[in-house]
Amino acid sequence: MKIKPIHNEQDYRKALARLQEIFDAEPGTQEGDELEILGILVENYEKQHFPIEAPNPLEAVTFRMEQLGLRQSDLARILGSRSRASEILSGKRSFSLRQIKLLNKKLGIPADVLLQEQDPVT
């Protein structure tokens, strides 16, 4: 087992190729340990070089509604008001802390996603 840091794209590709070779390694074996360590190194490299931004709050809510087959009327029931749901979905109003808590609890959307700044609608 020869493991080294991933410094560049070439190192990254070599690490991915090796991960494929040992993907089915048994835990507790030398190859299993190598798989675990390489996985950590690849994950760290990807976080630094290929960051994935969290969706904005409105995108997260509309995506989750689509996943669950919910409509605006369902969101209105969660938020307690049809007009509030309409204003939020149109981007005219941001979420209040109370609404963030409700959406987190009822739709399972992470609070840190809902707490982000919303882009104003122009």
C-alpha atoms as a PDB file:
ATOM      1  CA  MET A   1       0.000   0.000   0.000  1.00  0.00           C
ATOM      2  CA  LYS A   2       1.596   3.208  -1.220  1.00  0.00           C
ATOM      3  CA  ILE A   3      -0.652   6.171  -0.441  1.00  0.00           C
ATOM      4  CA  LYS A   4       0.291   9.771  -1.051  1.00  0.00           C
ATOM      5  CA  PRO A   5      -1.562  13.083  -1.006  1.00  0.00           C
ATOM      6  CA  ILE A   6      -3.562  14.146  -4.053  1.00  0.00           C
ATOM      7  CA  HIS A   7      -1.949  17.347  -5.319  1.00  0.00           C
ATOM      8  CA  ASN A   8      -3.212  17.612  -8.890  1.00  0.00           C
ATOM      9  CA  GLU A   9      -5.532  16.187 -11.539  1.00  0.00           C
ATOM     10  CA  GLN A  10      -3.088  13.414 -12.430  1.00  0.00           C
ATOM     11  CA  ASP A  11      -2.853  12.263  -8.798  1.00  0.00           C
ATOM     12  CA  TYR A  12      -6.656  12.449  -8.577  1.00  0.00           C
ATOM     13  CA  ARG A  13      -7.154  10.257 -11.654  1.00  0.00           C
ATOM     14  CA  LYS A  14      -4.642   7.699 -10.346  1.00  0.00           C
ATOM     15  CA  ALA A  15      -6.432   7.596  -7.001  1.00  0.00           C
ATOM     16  CA  LEU A  16      -9.803   7.081  -8.723  1.00  0.00           C
ATOM     17  CA  ALA A  17      -8.361   4.276 -10.852  1.00  0.00           C
ATOM     18  CA  ARG A  18      -6.959   2.579  -7.758  1.00  0.00           C
ATOM     19  CA  LEU A  19     -10.277   2.991  -5.950  1.00  0.00           C
ATOM     20  CA  GLN A  20     -11.979   1.143  -8.800  1.00  0.00           C
ATOM     21  CA  GLU A  21      -9.451  -1.665  -8.588  1.00  0.00           C
ATOM     22  CA  ILE A  22      -9.972  -2.226  -4.861  1.00  0.00           C
ATOM     23  CA  PHE A  23     -13.633  -1.189  -4.593  1.00  0.00           C
ATOM     24  CA  ASP A  24     -14.788  -4.589  -3.269  1.00  0.00           C
ATOM     25  CA  ALA A  25     -11.983  -4.945  -0.723  1.00  0.00           C
ATOM     26  CA  GLU A  26     -12.979  -6.479   2.596  1.00  0.00           C
ATOM     27  CA  PRO A  27     -12.902  -4.180   5.626  1.00  0.00           C
ATOM     28  CA  GLY A  28     -10.009  -4.879   7.952  1.00  0.00           C
ATOM     29  CA  THR A  29      -7.708  -6.059   5.184  1.00  0.00           C
ATOM     30  CA  GLN A  30      -4.752  -4.127   3.818  1.00  0.00           C
ATOM     31  CA  GLU A  31      -6.725  -3.287   0.661  1.00  0.00           C
ATOM     32  CA  GLY A  32      -9.759  -2.404   2.797  1.00  0.00           C
ATOM     33  CA  ASP A  33      -7.658   0.081   4.753  1.00  0.00           C
ATOM     34  CA  GLU A  34      -6.245   1.482   1.517  1.00  0.00           C
ATOM     35  CA  LEU A  35      -9.783   1.872   0.149  1.00  0.00           C
ATOM     36  CA  GLU A  36     -10.862   3.786   3.237  1.00  0.00           C
ATOM     37  CA  ILE A  37      -7.855   6.128   3.206  1.00  0.00           C
ATOM     38  CA  LEU A  38      -8.021   6.751  -0.552  1.00  0.00           C
ATOM     39  CA  GLY A  39     -11.729   7.477  -0.213  1.00  0.00           C
ATOM     40  CA  ILE A  40     -10.978  10.173   2.358  1.00  0.00           C
ATOM     41  CA  LEU A  41      -8.244  11.701   0.197  1.00  0.00           C
ATOM     42  CA  VAL A  42     -10.464  11.729  -2.905  1.00  0.00           C
ATOM     43  CA  GLU A  43     -13.363  13.248  -0.960  1.00  0.00           C
ATOM     44  CA  ASN A  44     -11.137  16.031   0.385  1.00  0.00           C
ATOM     45  CA  TYR A  45      -9.718  16.767  -3.069  1.00  0.00           C
ATOM     46  CA  GLU A  46     -13.218  16.896  -4.573  1.00  0.00           C
ATOM     47  CA  LYS A  47     -14.483  19.235  -1.845  1.00  0.00           C
ATOM     48  CA  GLN A  48     -11.621  21.629  -2.580  1.00  0.00           C
ATOM     49  CA  HIS A  49     -11.670  21.457  -6.376  1.00  0.00           C
ATOM     50  CA  PHE A  50     -15.286  20.617  -7.254  1.00  0.00           C
ATOM     51  CA  PRO A  51     -17.407  22.320  -4.593  1.00  0.00           C
ATOM     52  CA  ILE A  52     -21.145  21.910  -4.834  1.00  0.00           C
ATOM     53  CA  GLU A  53     -23.085  24.937  -3.737  1.00  0.00           C
ATOM     54  CA  ALA A  54     -26.243  24.458  -1.756  1.00  0.00           C
ATOM     55  CA  PRO A  55     -29.407  25.442  -3.618  1.00  0.00           C
ATOM     56  CA  ASN A  56     -31.004  28.730  -2.728  1.00  0.00           C
ATOM     57  CA  PRO A  57     -33.925  28.384  -0.282  1.00  0.00           C
ATOM     58  CA  LEU A  58     -36.661  28.818  -2.867  1.00  0.00           C
ATOM     59  CA  GLU A  59     -35.098  26.244  -5.201  1.00  0.00           C
ATOM     60  CA  ALA A  60     -34.815  23.816  -2.296  1.00  0.00           C
ATOM     61  CA  VAL A  61     -38.492  24.218  -1.391  1.00  0.00           C
ATOM     62  CA  THR A  62     -39.765  23.896  -4.960  1.00  0.00           C
ATOM     63  CA  PHE A  63     -37.535  20.868  -5.591  1.00  0.00           C
ATOM     64  CA  ARG A  64     -38.726  19.162  -2.410  1.00  0.00           C
ATOM     65  CA  MET A  65     -42.338  19.950  -3.272  1.00  0.00           C
ATOM     66  CA  GLU A  66     -41.840  18.313  -6.677  1.00  0.00           C
ATOM     67  CA  GLN A  67     -40.250  15.267  -5.035  1.00  0.00           C
ATOM     68  CA  LEU A  68     -43.212  14.883  -2.688  1.00  0.00           C
ATOM     69  CA  GLY A  69     -45.840  15.714  -5.306  1.00  0.00           C
ATOM     70  CA  LEU A  70     -46.986  18.788  -3.370  1.00  0.00           C
ATOM     71  CA  ARG A  71     -48.764  21.818  -4.800  1.00  0.00           C
ATOM     72  CA  GLN A  72     -48.954  25.427  -3.701  1.00  0.00           C
ATOM     73  CA  SER A  73     -52.089  24.628  -1.695  1.00  0.00           C
ATOM     74  CA  ASP A  74     -50.120  22.023   0.284  1.00  0.00           C
ATOM     75  CA  LEU A  75     -47.438  24.604   1.039  1.00  0.00           C
ATOM     76  CA  ALA A  76     -50.179  27.020   2.119  1.00  0.00           C
ATOM     77  CA  ARG A  77     -51.405  24.447   4.657  1.00  0.00           C
ATOM     78  CA  ILE A  78     -47.874  24.114   6.032  1.00  0.00           C
ATOM     79  CA  LEU A  79     -47.328  27.865   6.226  1.00  0.00           C
ATOM     80  CA  GLY A  80     -50.872  28.700   7.304  1.00  0.00           C
ATOM     81  CA  SER A  81     -51.751  31.097   4.469  1.00  0.00           C
ATOM     82  CA  ARG A  82     -52.379  30.854   0.721  1.00  0.00           C
ATOM     83  CA  SER A  83     -51.177  34.404   0.157  1.00  0.00           C
ATOM     84  CA  ARG A  84     -47.947  33.749   2.088  1.00  0.00           C
ATOM     85  CA  ALA A  85     -47.257  30.599   0.061  1.00  0.00           C
ATOM     86  CA  SER A  86     -47.907  32.534  -3.158  1.00  0.00           C
ATOM     87  CA  GLU A  87     -45.588  35.386  -2.140  1.00  0.00           C
ATOM     88  CA  ILE A  88     -42.830  32.951  -1.192  1.00  0.00           C
ATOM     89  CA  LEU A  89     -43.094  30.850  -4.347  1.00  0.00           C
ATOM     90  CA  SER A  90     -43.075  33.968  -6.515  1.00  0.00           C
ATOM     91  CA  GLY A  91     -39.933  35.194  -4.724  1.00  0.00           C
ATOM     92  CA  LYS A  92     -41.607  38.324  -3.372  1.00  0.00           C
ATOM     93  CA  ARG A  93     -41.118  37.334   0.244  1.00  0.00           C
ATOM     94  CA  SER A  94     -38.322  35.586   2.127  1.00  0.00           C
ATOM     95  CA  PHE A  95     -38.887  32.912   4.728  1.00  0.00           C
ATOM     96  CA  SER A  96     -39.411  33.920   8.339  1.00  0.00           C
ATOM     97  CA  LEU A  97     -37.702  31.975  11.104  1.00  0.00           C
ATOM     98  CA  ARG A  98     -41.035  30.343  11.980  1.00  0.00           C
ATOM     99  CA  GLN A  99     -41.517  29.263   8.346  1.00  0.00           C
ATOM    100  CA  ILE A 100     -37.974  27.915   8.188  1.00  0.00           C
ATOM    101  CA  LYS A 101     -38.679  25.770  11.231  1.00  0.00           C
ATOM    102  CA  LEU A 102     -41.929  24.514   9.690  1.00  0.00           C
ATOM    103  CA  LEU A 103     -40.328  23.712   6.337  1.00  0.00           C
ATOM    104  CA  ASN A 104     -37.453  21.956   8.056  1.00  0.00           C
ATOM    105  CA  LYS A 105     -39.825  19.830  10.121  1.00  0.00           C
ATOM    106  CA  LYS A 106     -42.537  19.142   7.531  1.00  0.00           C
ATOM    107  CA  LEU A 107     -40.480  18.864   4.344  1.00  0.00           C
ATOM    108  CA  GLY A 108     -37.149  17.733   5.791  1.00  0.00           C
ATOM    109  CA  ILE A 109     -35.171  20.536   4.156  1.00  0.00           C
ATOM    110  CA  PRO A 110     -31.977  21.278   6.117  1.00  0.00           C
ATOM    111  CA  ALA A 111     -32.258  24.505   8.091  1.00  0.00           C
ATOM    112  CA  ASP A 112     -28.847  25.709   6.881  1.00  0.00           C
ATOM    113  CA  VAL A 113     -30.160  25.645   3.298  1.00  0.00           C
ATOM    114  CA  LEU A 114     -33.298  27.579   4.268  1.00  0.00           C
ATOM    115  CA  LEU A 115     -31.321  30.152   6.272  1.00  0.00           C
ATOM    116  CA  GLN A 116     -29.241  31.274   3.275  1.00  0.00           C
ATOM    117  CA  GLU A 117     -29.798  34.668   1.698  1.00  0.00           C
ATOM    118  CA  GLN A 118     -32.451  34.495  -0.984  1.00  0.00           C
ATOM    119  CA  ASP A 119     -31.726  36.128  -4.318  1.00  0.00           C
ATOM    120  CA  PRO A 120     -34.187  38.957  -4.914  1.00  0.00           C
ATOM    121  CA  VAL A 121     -36.622  38.513  -7.796  1.00  0.00           C
ATOM    122  CA  THR A 122     -36.201  41.168 -10.459  1.00  0.00           C
END
